[in-house]
Amino acid sequence: MTERSEHYERIADQLETIVADLDEIAFDELRLAAAEGATERPPSDKRLTAARRSLEKAIHLLRQ
């Protein structure tokens, strides 16, 4: 593995950590909304999901 690809791999690993953080935030917000009696997903869910997908695409590109 070259130094450059090792660097890409480290960045991809960091992005995976951020994806996990976003998942935790999204689940917390869904739990809170359910506890408050909401019948729809919170508005932030769409934003968090889009951010997660973007990061997953970046991870895939870095690991190609």
PDB file of N, CA and C in Angstrom:
ATOM      1  N   MET A   1       0.852  -1.174   0.000  1.00  0.00           N
ATOM      2  CA  MET A   1       0.000   0.000   0.000  1.00  0.00           C
ATOM      3  C   MET A   1       0.899   1.240   0.000  1.00  0.00           C
ATOM      4  N   THR A   2       0.584   2.185  -0.854  1.00  0.00           N
ATOM      5  CA  THR A   2       1.389   3.397  -0.932  1.00  0.00           C
ATOM      6  C   THR A   2       1.023   4.354   0.196  1.00  0.00           C
ATOM      7  N   GLU A   3       1.894   5.313   0.393  1.00  0.00           N
ATOM      8  CA  GLU A   3       1.649   6.308   1.441  1.00  0.00           C
ATOM      9  C   GLU A   3       0.354   7.070   1.158  1.00  0.00           C
ATOM     10  N   ARG A   4       0.117   7.359  -0.117  1.00  0.00           N
ATOM     11  CA  ARG A   4      -1.094   8.089  -0.495  1.00  0.00           C
ATOM     12  C   ARG A   4      -2.338   7.257  -0.177  1.00  0.00           C
ATOM     13  N   SER A   5      -2.326   5.966  -0.546  1.00  0.00           N
ATOM     14  CA  SER A   5      -3.504   5.143  -0.286  1.00  0.00           C
ATOM     15  C   SER A   5      -3.700   4.923   1.212  1.00  0.00           C
ATOM     16  N   GLU A   6      -2.627   4.876   1.977  1.00  0.00           N
ATOM     17  CA  GLU A   6      -2.753   4.783   3.439  1.00  0.00           C
ATOM     18  C   GLU A   6      -3.418   6.033   3.997  1.00  0.00           C
ATOM     19  N   HIS A   7      -3.058   7.176   3.434  1.00  0.00           N
ATOM     20  CA  HIS A   7      -3.659   8.440   3.860  1.00  0.00           C
ATOM     21  C   HIS A   7      -5.161   8.436   3.537  1.00  0.00           C
ATOM     22  N   TYR A   8      -5.521   7.996   2.336  1.00  0.00           N
ATOM     23  CA  TYR A   8      -6.931   7.901   1.953  1.00  0.00           C
ATOM     24  C   TYR A   8      -7.686   6.969   2.892  1.00  0.00           C
ATOM     25  N   GLU A   9      -7.057   5.862   3.239  1.00  0.00           N
ATOM     26  CA  GLU A   9      -7.687   4.882   4.123  1.00  0.00           C
ATOM     27  C   GLU A   9      -7.935   5.485   5.511  1.00  0.00           C
ATOM     28  N   ARG A  10      -6.972   6.252   6.012  1.00  0.00           N
ATOM     29  CA  ARG A  10      -7.146   6.919   7.315  1.00  0.00           C
ATOM     30  C   ARG A  10      -8.318   7.894   7.265  1.00  0.00           C
ATOM     31  N   ILE A  11      -8.416   8.647   6.178  1.00  0.00           N
ATOM     32  CA  ILE A  11      -9.526   9.600   6.045  1.00  0.00           C
ATOM     33  C   ILE A  11     -10.852   8.845   5.965  1.00  0.00           C
ATOM     34  N   ALA A  12     -10.888   7.761   5.208  1.00  0.00           N
ATOM     35  CA  ALA A  12     -12.110   6.956   5.102  1.00  0.00           C
ATOM     36  C   ALA A  12     -12.512   6.421   6.479  1.00  0.00           C
ATOM     37  N   ASP A  13     -11.538   5.989   7.264  1.00  0.00           N
ATOM     38  CA  ASP A  13     -11.826   5.513   8.621  1.00  0.00           C
ATOM     39  C   ASP A  13     -12.427   6.630   9.485  1.00  0.00           C
ATOM     40  N   GLN A  14     -11.878   7.822   9.364  1.00  0.00           N
ATOM     41  CA  GLN A  14     -12.399   8.961  10.126  1.00  0.00           C
ATOM     42  C   GLN A  14     -13.830   9.276   9.697  1.00  0.00           C
ATOM     43  N   LEU A  15     -14.086   9.200   8.395  1.00  0.00           N
ATOM     44  CA  LEU A  15     -15.438   9.457   7.898  1.00  0.00           C
ATOM     45  C   LEU A  15     -16.417   8.403   8.408  1.00  0.00           C
ATOM     46  N   GLU A  16     -15.972   7.161   8.529  1.00  0.00           N
ATOM     47  CA  GLU A  16     -16.836   6.115   9.087  1.00  0.00           C
ATOM     48  C   GLU A  16     -17.216   6.423  10.532  1.00  0.00           C
ATOM     49  N   THR A  17     -16.292   6.989  11.270  1.00  0.00           N
ATOM     50  CA  THR A  17     -16.587   7.393  12.644  1.00  0.00           C
ATOM     51  C   THR A  17     -17.649   8.488  12.654  1.00  0.00           C
ATOM     52  N   ILE A  18     -17.542   9.419  11.734  1.00  0.00           N
ATOM     53  CA  ILE A  18     -18.532  10.502  11.647  1.00  0.00           C
ATOM     54  C   ILE A  18     -19.887   9.940  11.248  1.00  0.00           C
ATOM     55  N   VAL A  19     -19.915   8.972  10.330  1.00  0.00           N
ATOM     56  CA  VAL A  19     -21.170   8.328   9.947  1.00  0.00           C
ATOM     57  C   VAL A  19     -21.828   7.702  11.176  1.00  0.00           C
ATOM     58  N   ALA A  20     -21.052   7.028  11.989  1.00  0.00           N
ATOM     59  CA  ALA A  20     -21.589   6.418  13.211  1.00  0.00           C
ATOM     60  C   ALA A  20     -22.140   7.488  14.152  1.00  0.00           C
ATOM     61  N   ASP A  21     -21.450   8.612  14.260  1.00  0.00           N
ATOM     62  CA  ASP A  21     -21.933   9.719  15.093  1.00  0.00           C
ATOM     63  C   ASP A  21     -23.266  10.252  14.567  1.00  0.00           C
ATOM     64  N   LEU A  22     -23.363  10.404  13.245  1.00  0.00           N
ATOM     65  CA  LEU A  22     -24.615  10.877  12.654  1.00  0.00           C
ATOM     66  C   LEU A  22     -25.747   9.894  12.921  1.00  0.00           C
ATOM     67  N   ASP A  23     -25.449   8.607  12.848  1.00  0.00           N
ATOM     68  CA  ASP A  23     -26.460   7.590  13.149  1.00  0.00           C
ATOM     69  C   ASP A  23     -26.972   7.745  14.577  1.00  0.00           C
ATOM     70  N   GLU A  24     -26.067   7.943  15.516  1.00  0.00           N
ATOM     71  CA  GLU A  24     -26.465   8.119  16.917  1.00  0.00           C
ATOM     72  C   GLU A  24     -27.351   9.342  17.086  1.00  0.00           C
ATOM     73  N   ILE A  25     -26.975  10.439  16.445  1.00  0.00           N
ATOM     74  CA  ILE A  25     -27.774  11.661  16.534  1.00  0.00           C
ATOM     75  C   ILE A  25     -29.160  11.432  15.947  1.00  0.00           C
ATOM     76  N   ALA A  26     -29.215  10.785  14.785  1.00  0.00           N
ATOM     77  CA  ALA A  26     -30.502  10.534  14.133  1.00  0.00           C
ATOM     78  C   ALA A  26     -31.390   9.654  15.009  1.00  0.00           C
ATOM     79  N   PHE A  27     -30.827   8.583  15.573  1.00  0.00           N
ATOM     80  CA  PHE A  27     -31.616   7.711  16.433  1.00  0.00           C
ATOM     81  C   PHE A  27     -32.098   8.443  17.685  1.00  0.00           C
ATOM     82  N   ASP A  28     -31.243   9.278  18.259  1.00  0.00           N
ATOM     83  CA  ASP A  28     -31.642  10.058  19.435  1.00  0.00           C
ATOM     84  C   ASP A  28     -32.813  10.974  19.093  1.00  0.00           C
ATOM     85  N   GLU A  29     -32.745  11.617  17.936  1.00  0.00           N
ATOM     86  CA  GLU A  29     -33.822  12.526  17.543  1.00  0.00           C
ATOM     87  C   GLU A  29     -35.113  11.763  17.262  1.00  0.00           C
ATOM     88  N   LEU A  30     -35.001  10.569  16.665  1.00  0.00           N
ATOM     89  CA  LEU A  30     -36.191   9.753  16.423  1.00  0.00           C
ATOM     90  C   LEU A  30     -36.819   9.301  17.745  1.00  0.00           C
ATOM     91  N   ARG A  31     -35.966   8.900  18.689  1.00  0.00           N
ATOM     92  CA  ARG A  31     -36.473   8.496  20.009  1.00  0.00           C
ATOM     93  C   ARG A  31     -37.179   9.653  20.709  1.00  0.00           C
ATOM     94  N   LEU A  32     -36.561  10.828  20.654  1.00  0.00           N
ATOM     95  CA  LEU A  32     -37.152  12.005  21.289  1.00  0.00           C
ATOM     96  C   LEU A  32     -38.485  12.356  20.642  1.00  0.00           C
ATOM     97  N   ALA A  33     -38.528  12.317  19.324  1.00  0.00           N
ATOM     98  CA  ALA A  33     -39.780  12.630  18.623  1.00  0.00           C
ATOM     99  C   ALA A  33     -40.870  11.634  19.002  1.00  0.00           C
ATOM    100  N   ALA A  34     -40.512  10.356  19.080  1.00  0.00           N
ATOM    101  CA  ALA A  34     -41.494   9.333  19.462  1.00  0.00           C
ATOM    102  C   ALA A  34     -41.967   9.559  20.893  1.00  0.00           C
ATOM    103  N   ALA A  35     -41.046   9.908  21.784  1.00  0.00           N
ATOM    104  CA  ALA A  35     -41.407  10.158  23.180  1.00  0.00           C
ATOM    105  C   ALA A  35     -42.329  11.363  23.314  1.00  0.00           C
ATOM    106  N   GLU A  36     -42.176  12.301  22.401  1.00  0.00           N
ATOM    107  CA  GLU A  36     -43.026  13.506  22.418  1.00  0.00           C
ATOM    108  C   GLU A  36     -44.352  13.275  21.698  1.00  0.00           C
ATOM    109  N   GLY A  37     -44.533  12.063  21.166  1.00  0.00           N
ATOM    110  CA  GLY A  37     -45.790  11.731  20.508  1.00  0.00           C
ATOM    111  C   GLY A  37     -45.868  12.117  19.046  1.00  0.00           C
ATOM    112  N   ALA A  38     -44.759  12.426  18.444  1.00  0.00           N
ATOM    113  CA  ALA A  38     -44.760  12.802  17.031  1.00  0.00           C
ATOM    114  C   ALA A  38     -45.217  11.626  16.176  1.00  0.00           C
ATOM    115  N   THR A  39     -45.956  11.941  15.136  1.00  0.00           N
ATOM    116  CA  THR A  39     -46.416  10.898  14.226  1.00  0.00           C
ATOM    117  C   THR A  39     -45.624  10.895  12.922  1.00  0.00           C
ATOM    118  N   GLU A  40     -44.744  11.871  12.768  1.00  0.00           N
ATOM    119  CA  GLU A  40     -43.890  11.968  11.581  1.00  0.00           C
ATOM    120  C   GLU A  40     -42.442  12.055  12.015  1.00  0.00           C
ATOM    121  N   ARG A  41     -41.566  11.769  11.069  1.00  0.00           N
ATOM    122  CA  ARG A  41     -40.133  11.871  11.370  1.00  0.00           C
ATOM    123  C   ARG A  41     -39.758  13.333  11.572  1.00  0.00           C
ATOM    124  N   PRO A  42     -38.786  13.598  12.427  1.00  0.00           N
ATOM    125  CA  PRO A  42     -38.370  14.991  12.651  1.00  0.00           C
ATOM    126  C   PRO A  42     -37.758  15.582  11.374  1.00  0.00           C
ATOM    127  N   PRO A  43     -37.883  16.884  11.185  1.00  0.00           N
ATOM    128  CA  PRO A  43     -37.346  17.538   9.980  1.00  0.00           C
ATOM    129  C   PRO A  43     -35.842  17.309   9.793  1.00  0.00           C
ATOM    130  N   SER A  44     -35.119  17.173  10.871  1.00  0.00           N
ATOM    131  CA  SER A  44     -33.670  16.987  10.781  1.00  0.00           C
ATOM    132  C   SER A  44     -33.292  15.632  10.202  1.00  0.00           C
ATOM    133  N   ASP A  45     -34.227  14.671  10.222  1.00  0.00           N
ATOM    134  CA  ASP A  45     -33.928  13.324   9.750  1.00  0.00           C
ATOM    135  C   ASP A  45     -33.495  13.317   8.287  1.00  0.00           C
ATOM    136  N   LYS A  46     -34.167  14.100   7.467  1.00  0.00           N
ATOM    137  CA  LYS A  46     -33.826  14.150   6.038  1.00  0.00           C
ATOM    138  C   LYS A  46     -32.414  14.701   5.842  1.00  0.00           C
ATOM    139  N   ARG A  47     -32.068  15.746   6.575  1.00  0.00           N
ATOM    140  CA  ARG A  47     -30.722  16.347   6.490  1.00  0.00           C
ATOM    141  C   ARG A  47     -29.652  15.378   6.946  1.00  0.00           C
ATOM    142  N   LEU A  48     -29.904  14.725   8.067  1.00  0.00           N
ATOM    143  CA  LEU A  48     -28.924  13.773   8.599  1.00  0.00           C
ATOM    144  C   LEU A  48     -28.737  12.584   7.657  1.00  0.00           C
ATOM    145  N   THR A  49     -29.820  12.115   7.067  1.00  0.00           N
ATOM    146  CA  THR A  49     -29.740  11.004   6.126  1.00  0.00           C
ATOM    147  C   THR A  49     -28.953  11.410   4.885  1.00  0.00           C
ATOM    148  N   ALA A  50     -29.189  12.614   4.381  1.00  0.00           N
ATOM    149  CA  ALA A  50     -28.453  13.095   3.209  1.00  0.00           C
ATOM    150  C   ALA A  50     -26.963  13.228   3.518  1.00  0.00           C
ATOM    151  N   ALA A  51     -26.648  13.743   4.693  1.00  0.00           N
ATOM    152  CA  ALA A  51     -25.242  13.883   5.082  1.00  0.00           C
ATOM    153  C   ALA A  51     -24.578  12.514   5.185  1.00  0.00           C
ATOM    154  N   ARG A  52     -25.293  11.558   5.756  1.00  0.00           N
ATOM    155  CA  ARG A  52     -24.753  10.199   5.895  1.00  0.00           C
ATOM    156  C   ARG A  52     -24.473   9.588   4.528  1.00  0.00           C
ATOM    157  N   ARG A  53     -25.417   9.729   3.610  1.00  0.00           N
ATOM    158  CA  ARG A  53     -25.228   9.176   2.262  1.00  0.00           C
ATOM    159  C   ARG A  53     -24.028   9.822   1.565  1.00  0.00           C
ATOM    160  N   SER A  54     -23.881  11.110   1.728  1.00  0.00           N
ATOM    161  CA  SER A  54     -22.750  11.803   1.110  1.00  0.00           C
ATOM    162  C   SER A  54     -21.425  11.287   1.658  1.00  0.00           C
ATOM    163  N   LEU A  55     -21.368  11.085   2.953  1.00  0.00           N
ATOM    164  CA  LEU A  55     -20.145  10.561   3.553  1.00  0.00           C
ATOM    165  C   LEU A  55     -19.867   9.133   3.098  1.00  0.00           C
ATOM    166  N   GLU A  56     -20.922   8.336   2.974  1.00  0.00           N
ATOM    167  CA  GLU A  56     -20.731   6.962   2.497  1.00  0.00           C
ATOM    168  C   GLU A  56     -20.187   6.947   1.068  1.00  0.00           C
ATOM    169  N   LYS A  57     -20.652   7.875   0.240  1.00  0.00           N
ATOM    170  CA  LYS A  57     -20.132   7.983  -1.127  1.00  0.00           C
ATOM    171  C   LYS A  57     -18.654   8.376  -1.105  1.00  0.00           C
ATOM    172  N   ALA A  58     -18.323   9.323  -0.231  1.00  0.00           N
ATOM    173  CA  ALA A  58     -16.924   9.747  -0.113  1.00  0.00           C
ATOM    174  C   ALA A  58     -16.030   8.589   0.341  1.00  0.00           C
ATOM    175  N   ILE A  59     -16.511   7.815   1.287  1.00  0.00           N
ATOM    176  CA  ILE A  59     -15.745   6.649   1.771  1.00  0.00           C
ATOM    177  C   ILE A  59     -15.508   5.678   0.621  1.00  0.00           C
ATOM    178  N   HIS A  60     -16.548   5.420  -0.133  1.00  0.00           N
ATOM    179  CA  HIS A  60     -16.428   4.503  -1.271  1.00  0.00           C
ATOM    180  C   HIS A  60     -15.396   5.016  -2.281  1.00  0.00           C
ATOM    181  N   LEU A  61     -15.458   6.295  -2.587  1.00  0.00           N
ATOM    182  CA  LEU A  61     -14.518   6.881  -3.555  1.00  0.00           C
ATOM    183  C   LEU A  61     -13.083   6.809  -3.054  1.00  0.00           C
ATOM    184  N   LEU A  62     -12.877   7.060  -1.787  1.00  0.00           N
ATOM    185  CA  LEU A  62     -11.522   7.026  -1.231  1.00  0.00           C
ATOM    186  C   LEU A  62     -10.946   5.610  -1.234  1.00  0.00           C
ATOM    187  N   ARG A  63     -11.813   4.622  -1.127  1.00  0.00           N
ATOM    188  CA  ARG A  63     -11.335   3.244  -1.032  1.00  0.00           C
ATOM    189  C   ARG A  63     -11.270   2.533  -2.378  1.00  0.00           C
ATOM    190  N   GLN A  64     -11.616   3.208  -3.436  1.00  0.00           N
ATOM    191  CA  GLN A  64     -11.540   2.585  -4.764  1.00  0.00           C
ATOM    192  C   GLN A  64     -10.108   2.405  -5.189  1.00  0.00           C
TER     193      GLN A  64
END
